[in-house]
Amino acid sequence: MPPPPEARLAWFESALDELPAFLLSPDVFRPLLRSPASLPQDLSLGALLLALDALDAGAERLPPADQTRWSRLRGRWETERSRRRAAIERKAQAELRQRSNLWRAYIADLRETPREAGRYAHEVRHRVAADRLLETLGPSTSAPPEVAAADASLRGRFITGAFVWEPLLEKAYRRDRFWFLYGRPSAS
């Protein structure tokens, strides 16, 4: 069951509160001090971007007071992004390496143990986060070779189908760019 929008909003606000200290730290993933139980317990730039996508996708479903709160928080993120661009890019580079390695490792596990396909909807978060981190780094940055190799391996066993996450998020992730969210790997 997807988390309620209020929980996502609370998570995003907590993440923004901790963002300045997080950006100064050596951490790529860091425990978030105030996190709703139904959402990631760690702060990372990728998790922040995925929360941003989810909140943007569901903004019109928020009650008016929460829409106002979301607008304020969205503006705050844009200010932080402009003000701390270099630190955000450093974090994005570091996390991109880790997310790429996690994605590569999952796809390798999938080749060896096909039943790992049951965890796909959870594990694909690493691939989506990697894509969003690449976007943060700009068009001159290309995907690490691990991502391309893992994607090629996945394509060989991928069965195109329904969107694997909650339907609300489908409008945040277009099929042409996020093809790996529209189907699953075969379990054999």
N, C-alpha and C. Protein backbone atom coordinates (compact mmCIF):
# COMPACT_ATOMS: atom_id res chain seq x y z
N MET A 1 0.84 -1.18 0.00
CA MET A 1 0.00 0.00 0.00
C MET A 1 0.89 1.25 0.00
N PRO A 2 0.62 2.17 -0.91
CA PRO A 2 1.45 3.37 -0.97
C PRO A 2 1.28 4.25 0.26
N PRO A 3 2.33 4.97 0.60
CA PRO A 3 2.22 5.87 1.76
C PRO A 3 1.25 7.01 1.46
N PRO A 4 0.59 7.52 2.49
CA PRO A 4 -0.32 8.65 2.27
C PRO A 4 0.47 9.91 1.89
N PRO A 5 -0.15 10.79 1.13
CA PRO A 5 0.55 12.01 0.70
C PRO A 5 1.09 12.84 1.86
N GLU A 6 0.35 12.85 2.99
CA GLU A 6 0.82 13.63 4.15
C GLU A 6 2.15 13.08 4.66
N ALA A 7 2.32 11.76 4.60
CA ALA A 7 3.58 11.14 5.05
C ALA A 7 4.71 11.53 4.11
N ARG A 8 4.44 11.52 2.82
CA ARG A 8 5.47 11.93 1.85
C ARG A 8 5.86 13.39 2.07
N LEU A 9 4.87 14.21 2.33
CA LEU A 9 5.13 15.63 2.58
C LEU A 9 5.98 15.81 3.84
N ALA A 10 5.65 15.08 4.89
CA ALA A 10 6.43 15.16 6.14
C ALA A 10 7.85 14.66 5.91
N TRP A 11 8.00 13.58 5.15
CA TRP A 11 9.35 13.06 4.86
C TRP A 11 10.16 14.11 4.10
N PHE A 12 9.56 14.70 3.08
CA PHE A 12 10.27 15.68 2.25
C PHE A 12 10.69 16.89 3.09
N GLU A 13 9.81 17.34 3.97
CA GLU A 13 10.14 18.48 4.82
C GLU A 13 11.29 18.12 5.77
N SER A 14 11.26 16.94 6.34
CA SER A 14 12.36 16.50 7.21
C SER A 14 13.66 16.43 6.43
N ALA A 15 13.58 15.90 5.21
CA ALA A 15 14.78 15.79 4.37
C ALA A 15 15.35 17.17 4.07
N LEU A 16 14.49 18.13 3.76
CA LEU A 16 14.98 19.49 3.50
C LEU A 16 15.59 20.12 4.75
N ASP A 17 14.99 19.84 5.91
CA ASP A 17 15.55 20.37 7.16
C ASP A 17 16.97 19.86 7.39
N GLU A 18 17.21 18.62 7.03
CA GLU A 18 18.51 18.00 7.27
C GLU A 18 19.48 18.15 6.09
N LEU A 19 19.00 18.65 4.97
CA LEU A 19 19.81 18.72 3.77
C LEU A 19 21.13 19.49 3.95
N PRO A 20 21.15 20.69 4.54
CA PRO A 20 22.44 21.40 4.64
C PRO A 20 23.51 20.59 5.38
N ALA A 21 23.15 19.99 6.51
CA ALA A 21 24.14 19.18 7.25
C ALA A 21 24.52 17.93 6.46
N PHE A 22 23.54 17.32 5.80
CA PHE A 22 23.81 16.13 4.99
C PHE A 22 24.79 16.44 3.87
N LEU A 23 24.61 17.57 3.20
CA LEU A 23 25.49 17.92 2.09
C LEU A 23 26.93 18.17 2.54
N LEU A 24 27.10 18.59 3.78
CA LEU A 24 28.45 18.83 4.32
C LEU A 24 29.10 17.55 4.84
N SER A 25 28.32 16.52 5.02
CA SER A 25 28.83 15.27 5.59
C SER A 25 29.44 14.39 4.49
N PRO A 26 30.23 13.39 4.89
CA PRO A 26 30.76 12.44 3.90
C PRO A 26 29.74 11.35 3.52
N ASP A 27 28.58 11.35 4.17
CA ASP A 27 27.58 10.30 3.96
C ASP A 27 26.93 10.40 2.59
N VAL A 28 26.66 9.22 2.03
CA VAL A 28 25.86 9.15 0.81
C VAL A 28 24.42 8.81 1.21
N PHE A 29 24.29 7.95 2.20
CA PHE A 29 23.00 7.61 2.81
C PHE A 29 23.15 7.91 4.29
N ARG A 30 22.15 8.53 4.86
CA ARG A 30 22.23 8.93 6.26
C ARG A 30 20.86 8.76 6.90
N PRO A 31 20.81 8.19 8.11
CA PRO A 31 19.50 8.05 8.77
C PRO A 31 18.80 9.40 8.89
N LEU A 32 17.54 9.39 8.51
CA LEU A 32 16.73 10.60 8.61
C LEU A 32 16.14 10.63 10.01
N LEU A 33 16.33 11.71 10.72
CA LEU A 33 15.92 11.79 12.12
C LEU A 33 14.42 11.65 12.31
N ARG A 34 13.64 12.29 11.42
CA ARG A 34 12.17 12.23 11.52
C ARG A 34 11.63 11.68 10.22
N SER A 35 11.33 10.39 10.22
CA SER A 35 10.82 9.77 9.00
C SER A 35 9.60 8.93 9.31
N PRO A 36 8.50 9.14 8.58
CA PRO A 36 7.33 8.27 8.76
C PRO A 36 7.73 6.82 8.49
N ALA A 37 7.16 5.90 9.25
CA ALA A 37 7.54 4.48 9.15
C ALA A 37 7.32 3.91 7.76
N SER A 38 6.38 4.43 7.00
CA SER A 38 6.06 3.86 5.69
C SER A 38 6.98 4.36 4.58
N LEU A 39 7.95 5.20 4.92
CA LEU A 39 8.84 5.78 3.92
C LEU A 39 10.29 5.47 4.25
N PRO A 40 11.21 5.72 3.28
CA PRO A 40 12.62 5.42 3.54
C PRO A 40 13.12 6.05 4.83
N GLN A 41 13.89 5.30 5.55
CA GLN A 41 14.43 5.79 6.82
C GLN A 41 15.75 6.52 6.62
N ASP A 42 16.29 6.45 5.40
CA ASP A 42 17.55 7.11 5.10
C ASP A 42 17.33 8.30 4.18
N LEU A 43 18.15 9.30 4.39
CA LEU A 43 18.19 10.45 3.51
C LEU A 43 19.30 10.22 2.50
N SER A 44 18.98 10.41 1.27
CA SER A 44 19.96 10.44 0.19
C SER A 44 19.41 11.39 -0.85
N LEU A 45 20.25 11.85 -1.72
CA LEU A 45 19.78 12.75 -2.77
C LEU A 45 18.80 12.02 -3.68
N GLY A 46 19.08 10.75 -3.99
CA GLY A 46 18.17 9.97 -4.83
C GLY A 46 16.80 9.81 -4.18
N ALA A 47 16.78 9.51 -2.88
CA ALA A 47 15.50 9.38 -2.18
C ALA A 47 14.74 10.70 -2.19
N LEU A 48 15.45 11.79 -2.06
CA LEU A 48 14.82 13.11 -2.10
C LEU A 48 14.20 13.36 -3.47
N LEU A 49 14.91 12.99 -4.53
CA LEU A 49 14.39 13.19 -5.89
C LEU A 49 13.17 12.30 -6.16
N LEU A 50 13.19 11.07 -5.65
CA LEU A 50 12.04 10.19 -5.84
C LEU A 50 10.82 10.72 -5.07
N ALA A 51 11.05 11.26 -3.88
CA ALA A 51 9.95 11.86 -3.12
C ALA A 51 9.41 13.09 -3.85
N LEU A 52 10.28 13.87 -4.42
CA LEU A 52 9.88 15.03 -5.20
C LEU A 52 8.98 14.60 -6.36
N ASP A 53 9.38 13.54 -7.06
CA ASP A 53 8.58 13.03 -8.18
C ASP A 53 7.19 12.61 -7.71
N ALA A 54 7.15 11.88 -6.59
CA ALA A 54 5.87 11.39 -6.07
C ALA A 54 4.97 12.54 -5.65
N LEU A 55 5.55 13.53 -5.00
CA LEU A 55 4.75 14.67 -4.56
C LEU A 55 4.27 15.50 -5.75
N ASP A 56 5.11 15.69 -6.75
CA ASP A 56 4.68 16.41 -7.95
C ASP A 56 3.54 15.65 -8.63
N ALA A 57 3.66 14.33 -8.71
CA ALA A 57 2.63 13.53 -9.38
C ALA A 57 1.29 13.60 -8.67
N GLY A 58 1.30 13.72 -7.35
CA GLY A 58 0.06 13.73 -6.59
C GLY A 58 -0.36 15.07 -6.05
N ALA A 59 0.30 16.14 -6.49
CA ALA A 59 0.05 17.46 -5.92
C ALA A 59 -1.42 17.89 -6.01
N GLU A 60 -2.06 17.57 -7.13
CA GLU A 60 -3.45 18.03 -7.28
C GLU A 60 -4.41 17.26 -6.38
N ARG A 61 -3.99 16.15 -5.84
CA ARG A 61 -4.84 15.37 -4.92
C ARG A 61 -4.70 15.81 -3.47
N LEU A 62 -3.74 16.67 -3.21
CA LEU A 62 -3.54 17.15 -1.84
C LEU A 62 -4.65 18.12 -1.44
N PRO A 63 -5.02 18.14 -0.17
CA PRO A 63 -5.97 19.17 0.29
C PRO A 63 -5.33 20.55 0.11
N PRO A 64 -6.13 21.60 0.00
CA PRO A 64 -5.59 22.94 -0.26
C PRO A 64 -4.45 23.36 0.68
N ALA A 65 -4.58 23.08 1.97
CA ALA A 65 -3.52 23.48 2.91
C ALA A 65 -2.22 22.75 2.60
N ASP A 66 -2.31 21.47 2.23
CA ASP A 66 -1.11 20.70 1.89
C ASP A 66 -0.55 21.11 0.53
N GLN A 67 -1.42 21.55 -0.39
CA GLN A 67 -0.93 22.07 -1.66
C GLN A 67 -0.09 23.32 -1.43
N THR A 68 -0.54 24.17 -0.53
CA THR A 68 0.22 25.37 -0.19
C THR A 68 1.54 24.99 0.46
N ARG A 69 1.49 24.03 1.37
CA ARG A 69 2.71 23.55 2.02
C ARG A 69 3.66 22.96 0.99
N TRP A 70 3.13 22.16 0.06
CA TRP A 70 3.97 21.55 -0.98
C TRP A 70 4.60 22.63 -1.86
N SER A 71 3.85 23.64 -2.22
CA SER A 71 4.38 24.71 -3.04
C SER A 71 5.55 25.41 -2.32
N ARG A 72 5.37 25.64 -1.03
CA ARG A 72 6.44 26.27 -0.24
C ARG A 72 7.67 25.37 -0.18
N LEU A 73 7.46 24.07 0.06
CA LEU A 73 8.58 23.13 0.14
C LEU A 73 9.28 22.97 -1.21
N ARG A 74 8.50 22.97 -2.27
CA ARG A 74 9.08 22.85 -3.63
C ARG A 74 9.97 24.05 -3.90
N GLY A 75 9.49 25.24 -3.53
CA GLY A 75 10.30 26.44 -3.69
C GLY A 75 11.57 26.40 -2.84
N ARG A 76 11.43 25.86 -1.66
CA ARG A 76 12.59 25.73 -0.77
C ARG A 76 13.63 24.79 -1.38
N TRP A 77 13.18 23.68 -1.99
CA TRP A 77 14.10 22.75 -2.66
C TRP A 77 14.82 23.47 -3.81
N GLU A 78 14.09 24.23 -4.60
CA GLU A 78 14.70 24.94 -5.73
C GLU A 78 15.75 25.93 -5.25
N THR A 79 15.47 26.60 -4.14
CA THR A 79 16.45 27.54 -3.56
C THR A 79 17.69 26.79 -3.11
N GLU A 80 17.50 25.69 -2.40
CA GLU A 80 18.64 24.88 -1.94
C GLU A 80 19.44 24.35 -3.13
N ARG A 81 18.74 23.91 -4.14
CA ARG A 81 19.41 23.36 -5.32
C ARG A 81 20.28 24.41 -6.00
N SER A 82 19.80 25.64 -6.06
CA SER A 82 20.59 26.72 -6.66
C SER A 82 21.74 27.13 -5.75
N ARG A 83 21.45 27.26 -4.47
CA ARG A 83 22.44 27.73 -3.51
C ARG A 83 23.56 26.72 -3.29
N ARG A 84 23.25 25.46 -3.32
CA ARG A 84 24.22 24.42 -2.97
C ARG A 84 24.52 23.49 -4.14
N ARG A 85 24.53 24.06 -5.33
CA ARG A 85 24.69 23.28 -6.56
C ARG A 85 25.92 22.37 -6.53
N ALA A 86 27.07 22.90 -6.16
CA ALA A 86 28.30 22.11 -6.19
C ALA A 86 28.23 20.95 -5.20
N ALA A 87 27.72 21.19 -4.01
CA ALA A 87 27.60 20.12 -3.01
C ALA A 87 26.60 19.06 -3.47
N ILE A 88 25.52 19.49 -4.09
CA ILE A 88 24.52 18.55 -4.59
C ILE A 88 25.12 17.70 -5.70
N GLU A 89 25.90 18.30 -6.57
CA GLU A 89 26.54 17.53 -7.65
C GLU A 89 27.53 16.52 -7.09
N ARG A 90 28.28 16.88 -6.05
CA ARG A 90 29.21 15.92 -5.43
C ARG A 90 28.44 14.74 -4.84
N LYS A 91 27.35 15.03 -4.15
CA LYS A 91 26.52 13.95 -3.57
C LYS A 91 25.93 13.09 -4.68
N ALA A 92 25.47 13.74 -5.74
CA ALA A 92 24.87 12.99 -6.86
C ALA A 92 25.89 12.04 -7.48
N GLN A 93 27.11 12.50 -7.67
CA GLN A 93 28.17 11.64 -8.24
C GLN A 93 28.43 10.44 -7.34
N ALA A 94 28.56 10.70 -6.04
CA ALA A 94 28.84 9.61 -5.09
C ALA A 94 27.68 8.61 -5.04
N GLU A 95 26.48 9.12 -4.99
CA GLU A 95 25.33 8.22 -4.91
C GLU A 95 25.11 7.49 -6.22
N LEU A 96 25.37 8.13 -7.33
CA LEU A 96 25.23 7.47 -8.62
C LEU A 96 26.11 6.23 -8.69
N ARG A 97 27.33 6.32 -8.20
CA ARG A 97 28.23 5.14 -8.17
C ARG A 97 27.62 4.03 -7.33
N GLN A 98 27.11 4.38 -6.16
CA GLN A 98 26.53 3.36 -5.28
C GLN A 98 25.25 2.76 -5.86
N ARG A 99 24.35 3.59 -6.36
CA ARG A 99 23.11 3.09 -6.95
C ARG A 99 23.40 2.21 -8.16
N SER A 100 24.38 2.61 -8.96
CA SER A 100 24.76 1.80 -10.13
C SER A 100 25.27 0.44 -9.71
N ASN A 101 26.09 0.41 -8.68
CA ASN A 101 26.61 -0.87 -8.18
C ASN A 101 25.50 -1.74 -7.59
N LEU A 102 24.57 -1.13 -6.88
CA LEU A 102 23.44 -1.88 -6.32
C LEU A 102 22.57 -2.45 -7.43
N TRP A 103 22.35 -1.68 -8.48
CA TRP A 103 21.55 -2.15 -9.61
C TRP A 103 22.27 -3.30 -10.33
N ARG A 104 23.55 -3.12 -10.57
CA ARG A 104 24.34 -4.17 -11.22
C ARG A 104 24.31 -5.45 -10.39
N ALA A 105 24.46 -5.32 -9.08
CA ALA A 105 24.46 -6.50 -8.20
C ALA A 105 23.10 -7.20 -8.21
N TYR A 106 22.03 -6.43 -8.22
CA TYR A 106 20.70 -7.05 -8.26
C TYR A 106 20.50 -7.81 -9.57
N ILE A 107 20.87 -7.22 -10.67
CA ILE A 107 20.71 -7.88 -11.98
C ILE A 107 21.58 -9.14 -12.03
N ALA A 108 22.78 -9.10 -11.46
CA ALA A 108 23.62 -10.30 -11.39
C ALA A 108 22.94 -11.37 -10.54
N ASP A 109 22.37 -10.97 -9.40
CA ASP A 109 21.63 -11.93 -8.56
C ASP A 109 20.46 -12.53 -9.33
N LEU A 110 19.80 -11.72 -10.10
CA LEU A 110 18.65 -12.17 -10.88
C LEU A 110 19.06 -13.24 -11.90
N ARG A 111 20.22 -13.05 -12.51
CA ARG A 111 20.72 -14.06 -13.46
C ARG A 111 20.98 -15.39 -12.77
N GLU A 112 21.53 -15.33 -11.57
CA GLU A 112 21.89 -16.55 -10.82
C GLU A 112 20.70 -17.17 -10.11
N THR A 113 19.79 -16.34 -9.62
CA THR A 113 18.63 -16.81 -8.85
C THR A 113 17.38 -16.12 -9.39
N PRO A 114 16.75 -16.73 -10.40
CA PRO A 114 15.59 -16.08 -11.04
C PRO A 114 14.46 -15.71 -10.09
N ARG A 115 14.34 -16.37 -8.95
CA ARG A 115 13.25 -16.02 -8.03
C ARG A 115 13.43 -14.61 -7.44
N GLU A 116 14.60 -14.04 -7.61
CA GLU A 116 14.84 -12.66 -7.19
C GLU A 116 13.94 -11.68 -7.95
N ALA A 117 13.31 -12.16 -9.03
CA ALA A 117 12.38 -11.32 -9.80
C ALA A 117 11.24 -10.82 -8.92
N GLY A 118 10.92 -11.54 -7.86
CA GLY A 118 9.86 -11.12 -6.95
C GLY A 118 10.18 -9.82 -6.21
N ARG A 119 11.44 -9.46 -6.14
CA ARG A 119 11.85 -8.22 -5.46
C ARG A 119 12.01 -7.04 -6.44
N TYR A 120 11.69 -7.27 -7.68
CA TYR A 120 11.97 -6.28 -8.72
C TYR A 120 11.39 -4.90 -8.42
N ALA A 121 10.13 -4.83 -8.04
CA ALA A 121 9.48 -3.51 -7.83
C ALA A 121 10.22 -2.70 -6.76
N HIS A 122 10.83 -3.37 -5.80
CA HIS A 122 11.62 -2.67 -4.78
C HIS A 122 13.01 -2.32 -5.32
N GLU A 123 13.67 -3.27 -5.93
CA GLU A 123 15.06 -3.08 -6.38
C GLU A 123 15.20 -2.08 -7.52
N VAL A 124 14.15 -1.93 -8.33
CA VAL A 124 14.24 -1.01 -9.46
C VAL A 124 14.35 0.45 -8.99
N ARG A 125 14.09 0.71 -7.71
CA ARG A 125 14.30 2.06 -7.16
C ARG A 125 15.73 2.54 -7.41
N HIS A 126 16.69 1.61 -7.34
CA HIS A 126 18.09 2.00 -7.57
C HIS A 126 18.28 2.51 -8.99
N ARG A 127 17.61 1.85 -9.94
CA ARG A 127 17.75 2.25 -11.35
C ARG A 127 17.08 3.60 -11.59
N VAL A 128 15.90 3.80 -11.02
CA VAL A 128 15.20 5.07 -11.18
C VAL A 128 16.00 6.19 -10.52
N ALA A 129 16.50 5.94 -9.32
CA ALA A 129 17.31 6.95 -8.62
C ALA A 129 18.56 7.29 -9.44
N ALA A 130 19.19 6.28 -10.03
CA ALA A 130 20.38 6.54 -10.86
C ALA A 130 20.03 7.47 -12.02
N ASP A 131 18.91 7.23 -12.65
CA ASP A 131 18.48 8.07 -13.77
C ASP A 131 18.23 9.50 -13.31
N ARG A 132 17.57 9.66 -12.18
CA ARG A 132 17.28 11.00 -11.66
C ARG A 132 18.56 11.71 -11.22
N LEU A 133 19.52 10.97 -10.68
CA LEU A 133 20.80 11.57 -10.30
C LEU A 133 21.57 12.03 -11.54
N LEU A 134 21.51 11.23 -12.60
CA LEU A 134 22.13 11.64 -13.86
C LEU A 134 21.55 12.95 -14.36
N GLU A 135 20.24 13.08 -14.25
CA GLU A 135 19.57 14.31 -14.67
C GLU A 135 20.08 15.50 -13.85
N THR A 136 20.31 15.29 -12.57
CA THR A 136 20.82 16.35 -11.69
C THR A 136 22.22 16.78 -12.14
N LEU A 137 22.99 15.83 -12.63
CA LEU A 137 24.36 16.13 -13.04
C LEU A 137 24.45 16.81 -14.41
N GLY A 138 23.38 16.75 -15.17
CA GLY A 138 23.35 17.45 -16.45
C GLY A 138 23.61 16.56 -17.64
N PRO A 139 23.35 17.09 -18.83
CA PRO A 139 23.42 16.29 -20.05
C PRO A 139 24.83 15.84 -20.43
N SER A 140 25.85 16.46 -19.89
CA SER A 140 27.21 16.05 -20.24
C SER A 140 27.66 14.80 -19.47
N THR A 141 26.87 14.36 -18.50
CA THR A 141 27.23 13.17 -17.72
C THR A 141 26.50 11.96 -18.30
N SER A 142 27.25 10.90 -18.52
CA SER A 142 26.62 9.69 -19.06
C SER A 142 26.51 8.64 -17.96
N ALA A 143 25.64 7.69 -18.20
CA ALA A 143 25.43 6.62 -17.23
C ALA A 143 26.71 5.81 -17.08
N PRO A 144 26.99 5.37 -15.86
CA PRO A 144 28.16 4.51 -15.65
C PRO A 144 28.02 3.22 -16.47
N PRO A 145 29.12 2.63 -16.88
CA PRO A 145 29.06 1.40 -17.68
C PRO A 145 28.29 0.27 -16.98
N GLU A 146 28.31 0.25 -15.64
CA GLU A 146 27.58 -0.80 -14.91
C GLU A 146 26.09 -0.74 -15.20
N VAL A 147 25.56 0.48 -15.35
CA VAL A 147 24.13 0.64 -15.61
C VAL A 147 23.80 0.12 -17.01
N ALA A 148 24.60 0.50 -17.98
CA ALA A 148 24.34 0.04 -19.35
C ALA A 148 24.45 -1.48 -19.45
N ALA A 149 25.43 -2.08 -18.80
CA ALA A 149 25.60 -3.53 -18.83
C ALA A 149 24.44 -4.23 -18.14
N ALA A 150 24.02 -3.70 -16.99
CA ALA A 150 22.89 -4.29 -16.25
C ALA A 150 21.61 -4.16 -17.06
N ASP A 151 21.40 -3.00 -17.69
CA ASP A 151 20.21 -2.80 -18.51
C ASP A 151 20.18 -3.78 -19.68
N ALA A 152 21.32 -3.97 -20.32
CA ALA A 152 21.39 -4.91 -21.45
C ALA A 152 21.03 -6.32 -20.98
N SER A 153 21.54 -6.71 -19.84
CA SER A 153 21.22 -8.02 -19.29
C SER A 153 19.74 -8.14 -18.96
N LEU A 154 19.18 -7.10 -18.37
CA LEU A 154 17.77 -7.11 -18.02
C LEU A 154 16.90 -7.20 -19.27
N ARG A 155 17.24 -6.45 -20.30
CA ARG A 155 16.43 -6.45 -21.52
C ARG A 155 16.27 -7.87 -22.09
N GLY A 156 17.28 -8.70 -21.90
CA GLY A 156 17.22 -10.07 -22.41
C GLY A 156 16.18 -10.93 -21.73
N ARG A 157 15.73 -10.55 -20.56
CA ARG A 157 14.73 -11.34 -19.83
C ARG A 157 13.52 -10.51 -19.41
N PHE A 158 13.41 -9.31 -19.95
CA PHE A 158 12.36 -8.38 -19.55
C PHE A 158 11.07 -8.66 -20.30
N ILE A 159 9.97 -8.69 -19.56
CA ILE A 159 8.64 -8.88 -20.15
C ILE A 159 7.89 -7.56 -19.97
N THR A 160 7.66 -6.87 -21.08
CA THR A 160 6.95 -5.60 -21.03
C THR A 160 5.54 -5.82 -20.50
N GLY A 161 5.11 -4.90 -19.66
CA GLY A 161 3.78 -5.05 -19.07
C GLY A 161 3.35 -3.81 -18.34
N ALA A 162 2.61 -4.03 -17.27
CA ALA A 162 2.04 -2.94 -16.48
C ALA A 162 3.12 -2.22 -15.68
N PHE A 163 2.83 -1.00 -15.33
CA PHE A 163 3.69 -0.18 -14.48
C PHE A 163 3.83 -0.87 -13.13
N VAL A 164 5.05 -0.98 -12.61
CA VAL A 164 5.29 -1.80 -11.41
C VAL A 164 5.07 -1.06 -10.09
N TRP A 165 4.96 0.24 -10.12
CA TRP A 165 4.73 1.01 -8.90
C TRP A 165 3.28 1.47 -8.84
N GLU A 166 2.95 2.21 -7.82
CA GLU A 166 1.57 2.68 -7.67
C GLU A 166 1.18 3.53 -8.89
N PRO A 167 -0.05 3.38 -9.36
CA PRO A 167 -0.49 4.05 -10.59
C PRO A 167 -0.27 5.57 -10.60
N LEU A 168 -0.39 6.22 -9.46
CA LEU A 168 -0.20 7.66 -9.38
C LEU A 168 1.16 8.09 -9.95
N LEU A 169 2.18 7.26 -9.75
CA LEU A 169 3.54 7.62 -10.17
C LEU A 169 3.77 7.47 -11.66
N GLU A 170 2.86 6.81 -12.34
CA GLU A 170 3.04 6.56 -13.76
C GLU A 170 3.24 7.86 -14.55
N LYS A 171 2.55 8.92 -14.15
CA LYS A 171 2.71 10.17 -14.90
C LYS A 171 4.06 10.84 -14.63
N ALA A 172 4.75 10.44 -13.58
CA ALA A 172 6.07 11.00 -13.28
C ALA A 172 7.18 10.31 -14.07
N TYR A 173 6.89 9.10 -14.54
CA TYR A 173 7.93 8.29 -15.19
C TYR A 173 7.42 7.79 -16.55
N ARG A 174 7.80 8.51 -17.59
CA ARG A 174 7.37 8.17 -18.95
C ARG A 174 7.96 6.83 -19.39
N ARG A 175 7.18 6.09 -20.13
CA ARG A 175 7.58 4.77 -20.61
C ARG A 175 8.85 4.83 -21.46
N ASP A 176 8.98 5.83 -22.32
CA ASP A 176 10.14 5.87 -23.20
C ASP A 176 11.46 6.05 -22.43
N ARG A 177 11.44 6.78 -21.38
CA ARG A 177 12.66 7.01 -20.58
C ARG A 177 12.82 5.97 -19.48
N PHE A 178 11.74 5.59 -18.82
CA PHE A 178 11.79 4.67 -17.69
C PHE A 178 11.18 3.32 -18.09
N TRP A 179 11.63 2.77 -19.20
CA TRP A 179 11.09 1.52 -19.74
C TRP A 179 11.10 0.40 -18.71
N PHE A 180 12.08 0.41 -17.81
CA PHE A 180 12.27 -0.66 -16.82
C PHE A 180 11.20 -0.65 -15.72
N LEU A 181 10.34 0.37 -15.71
CA LEU A 181 9.21 0.41 -14.77
C LEU A 181 7.93 -0.16 -15.39
N TYR A 182 7.99 -0.52 -16.66
CA TYR A 182 6.80 -1.00 -17.39
C TYR A 182 6.97 -2.47 -17.75
N GLY A 183 6.96 -3.30 -16.74
CA GLY A 183 7.10 -4.73 -16.92
C GLY A 183 7.96 -5.31 -15.82
N ARG A 184 8.36 -6.55 -16.02
CA ARG A 184 9.16 -7.25 -15.01
C ARG A 184 10.09 -8.24 -15.69
N PRO A 185 11.15 -8.63 -14.99
CA PRO A 185 11.97 -9.70 -15.53
C PRO A 185 11.25 -11.05 -15.39
N SER A 186 11.52 -11.96 -16.29
CA SER A 186 10.92 -13.29 -16.16
C SER A 186 11.54 -13.97 -14.94
N ALA A 187 10.76 -14.80 -14.32
CA ALA A 187 11.22 -15.52 -13.11
C ALA A 187 11.84 -16.86 -13.47
N SER A 188 12.14 -17.08 -14.73
CA SER A 188 12.76 -18.35 -15.11
C SER A 188 14.00 -18.14 -15.96
